[in-house]
C-alpha cells in the first residue's frame, strides 16, 4: 500500500529528481508570479550534494531548510514533493518554494501541497516565538497566523 512519508533530509541518489521537481516542473507557469517574487526577494535555490545528502541553499540566506515528500510502496520510495523555507524573524517563517510531482492529479497535488504546509505549521508550532507563516505563491503575500 502506498503512503506518503515526509523527511527533512534526502539521500543524494535523488539529486536529479529534486532538480527536475524544482526547476523543470510543468506547473511552474501556473505560479510564476509568486515564484519570481520569492526569487527576487530572497534568491534562487541551489541544489547540491553534501556528503551523501542533498542540500538546498539560497544564496544570502542562512539556515534554509527543506521538507521532502516521498511516496513509499514498501519496495521503493519516489520523490513527489518539496518545500523550502527559512526563519526570517524571531516570529516568522517564510515558505520560499513548494513543488509537487507533475504526475499527481489536481486533487492529489492539492492534498500533497496541504500536507506539506500542515507539516511545516506543525514544526513551526514547536519553535519558540514563531507566530506567522508567510507563503509567496499568490499575487499578494499570504500570512497564516499560527496559534501556539
Protein backbone atom coordinates (compact mmCIF):
# COMPACT_ATOMS: atom_id res chain seq x y z
CA UNK A 1 0.00 0.00 0.00
CA UNK A 2 1.33 3.44 -0.93
CA UNK A 3 1.82 6.04 1.76
CA UNK A 4 3.39 9.49 1.92
CA UNK A 5 6.46 9.97 4.09
CA UNK A 6 7.79 13.43 4.99
CA UNK A 7 11.52 13.79 5.66
CA UNK A 8 13.84 16.65 6.50
CA UNK A 9 16.78 15.08 4.67
CA UNK A 10 17.13 13.29 1.35
CA UNK A 11 19.72 10.85 0.04
CA UNK A 12 21.97 12.15 -2.75
CA UNK A 13 20.63 9.47 -5.12
CA UNK A 14 17.60 11.78 -5.59
CA UNK A 15 19.68 14.68 -6.97
CA UNK A 16 18.22 14.53 -10.50
CA UNK A 17 14.68 14.05 -9.15
CA UNK A 18 14.90 17.12 -6.91
CA UNK A 19 16.33 19.25 -9.72
CA UNK A 20 13.56 18.13 -12.08
CA UNK A 21 10.92 18.80 -9.43
CA UNK A 22 12.19 22.29 -8.60
CA UNK A 23 13.44 23.60 -11.93
CA UNK A 24 11.61 21.69 -14.69
CA UNK A 25 8.15 21.32 -13.21
CA UNK A 26 5.31 21.77 -15.73
CA UNK A 27 3.16 23.55 -13.16
CA UNK A 28 5.63 26.40 -12.58
CA UNK A 29 3.89 28.57 -15.16
CA UNK A 30 0.74 28.49 -13.05
CA UNK A 31 2.56 30.11 -10.12
CA UNK A 32 5.18 32.18 -11.94
CA UNK A 33 4.28 35.47 -10.20
CA UNK A 34 4.84 34.04 -6.72
CA UNK A 35 7.95 32.12 -7.78
CA UNK A 36 9.51 35.20 -9.36
CA UNK A 37 8.67 37.37 -6.35
CA UNK A 38 10.23 34.82 -3.99
CA UNK A 39 13.38 34.63 -6.14
CA UNK A 40 13.53 38.44 -6.42
CA UNK A 41 13.07 38.96 -2.67
CA UNK A 42 15.19 36.08 -1.38
CA UNK A 43 17.27 34.48 -4.15
CA UNK A 44 17.35 31.38 -6.31
CA UNK A 45 17.52 27.93 -4.74
CA UNK A 46 20.66 25.93 -5.48
CA UNK A 47 20.68 22.14 -5.17
CA UNK A 48 23.90 20.31 -4.34
CA UNK A 49 25.11 17.14 -2.68
CA UNK A 50 26.90 17.41 0.64
CA UNK A 51 28.28 14.02 1.51
CA UNK A 52 25.50 11.53 0.82
CA UNK A 53 22.68 14.06 1.42
CA UNK A 54 21.01 16.68 -0.75
CA UNK A 55 21.47 20.25 0.35
CA UNK A 56 19.27 23.11 -0.86
CA UNK A 57 20.58 26.60 -0.26
CA UNK A 58 19.54 30.08 -1.22
CA UNK A 59 22.43 32.49 -1.62
CA UNK A 60 22.44 35.10 1.11
CA UNK A 61 20.03 33.25 3.39
CA UNK A 62 21.36 31.40 6.40
CA UNK A 63 19.77 28.19 7.57
CA UNK A 64 17.43 27.47 4.68
CA UNK A 65 15.62 24.21 5.37
CA UNK A 66 13.61 21.74 3.32
CA UNK A 67 10.97 19.08 3.77
CA UNK A 68 10.72 16.28 1.23
CA UNK A 69 7.64 14.18 0.47
CA UNK A 70 8.18 10.64 -0.75
CA UNK A 71 5.65 8.10 -1.91
CA UNK A 72 6.50 4.77 -0.30
CA UNK A 73 5.08 1.47 -1.55
CA UNK A 74 7.25 -0.84 0.61
CA UNK A 75 9.51 -1.63 -2.37
CA UNK A 76 10.73 1.82 -3.31
CA UNK A 77 10.36 5.50 -2.50
CA UNK A 78 9.64 8.13 -5.12
CA UNK A 79 10.23 11.85 -4.52
CA UNK A 80 6.90 13.62 -5.00
CA UNK A 81 7.24 16.99 -3.29
CA UNK A 82 9.46 19.53 -1.57
CA UNK A 83 9.10 22.77 0.35
CA UNK A 84 11.93 25.21 1.07
CA UNK A 85 11.66 27.62 4.00
CA UNK A 86 13.63 29.74 6.46
CA UNK A 87 13.14 31.68 9.67
CA UNK A 88 13.02 35.32 8.61
CA UNK A 89 12.47 36.84 12.04
CA UNK A 90 12.02 35.62 15.56
CA UNK A 91 8.27 35.45 14.86
CA UNK A 92 8.07 34.47 11.18
CA UNK A 93 8.88 31.54 8.93
CA UNK A 94 8.80 32.12 5.17
CA UNK A 95 7.88 29.31 2.80
CA UNK A 96 10.05 30.17 -0.21
CA UNK A 97 9.20 27.41 -2.66
CA UNK A 98 6.92 24.44 -2.96
CA UNK A 99 6.98 21.88 -5.77
CA UNK A 100 4.85 18.80 -6.31
CA UNK A 101 5.33 15.99 -8.83
CA UNK A 102 3.56 16.67 -12.14
CA UNK A 103 2.14 13.14 -12.23
CA UNK A 104 -0.19 13.81 -9.33
CA UNK A 105 -3.75 14.58 -10.30
CA UNK A 106 -5.06 18.04 -9.40
CA UNK A 107 -6.82 16.74 -6.29
CA UNK A 108 -3.82 14.71 -5.09
CA UNK A 109 -1.50 17.62 -5.84
CA UNK A 110 -3.59 19.96 -3.69
CA UNK A 111 -3.70 17.38 -0.91
CA UNK A 112 0.07 16.90 -1.02
CA UNK A 113 0.60 20.66 -1.00
CA UNK A 114 -1.65 20.95 2.05
CA UNK A 115 0.10 18.01 3.72
CA UNK A 116 3.48 19.70 3.30
CA UNK A 117 2.16 23.03 4.58
CA UNK A 118 0.49 21.30 7.57
CA UNK A 119 3.81 19.63 8.40
CA UNK A 120 5.58 23.00 8.27
CA UNK A 121 2.91 24.52 10.52
CA UNK A 122 3.36 21.64 12.96
CA UNK A 123 7.12 22.17 13.03
CA UNK A 124 6.61 25.93 13.39
CA UNK A 125 4.41 25.42 16.44
CA UNK A 126 7.28 23.64 18.18
CA UNK A 127 9.69 26.55 17.60
CA UNK A 128 9.62 29.13 20.38
CA UNK A 129 8.40 32.54 19.21
CA UNK A 130 7.01 31.63 15.79
CA UNK A 131 3.63 33.27 15.19
CA UNK A 132 3.26 33.52 11.40
CA UNK A 133 3.99 31.60 8.25
CA UNK A 134 4.34 33.64 5.04
CA UNK A 135 3.69 31.98 1.68
CA UNK A 136 4.65 33.71 -1.58
CA UNK A 137 2.67 31.67 -4.07
CA UNK A 138 -0.10 34.17 -4.60
CA UNK A 139 -0.12 37.55 -6.28
CA UNK A 140 -0.11 39.06 -2.79
CA UNK A 141 1.68 37.79 0.32
CA UNK A 142 -0.48 35.49 2.37
CA UNK A 143 0.26 35.14 6.06
CA UNK A 144 -1.24 32.48 8.25
CA UNK A 145 -1.30 33.09 11.98
CA UNK A 146 -0.17 30.01 13.84
CA UNK A 147 -1.86 29.80 17.22
CA UNK A 148 0.69 28.47 19.68
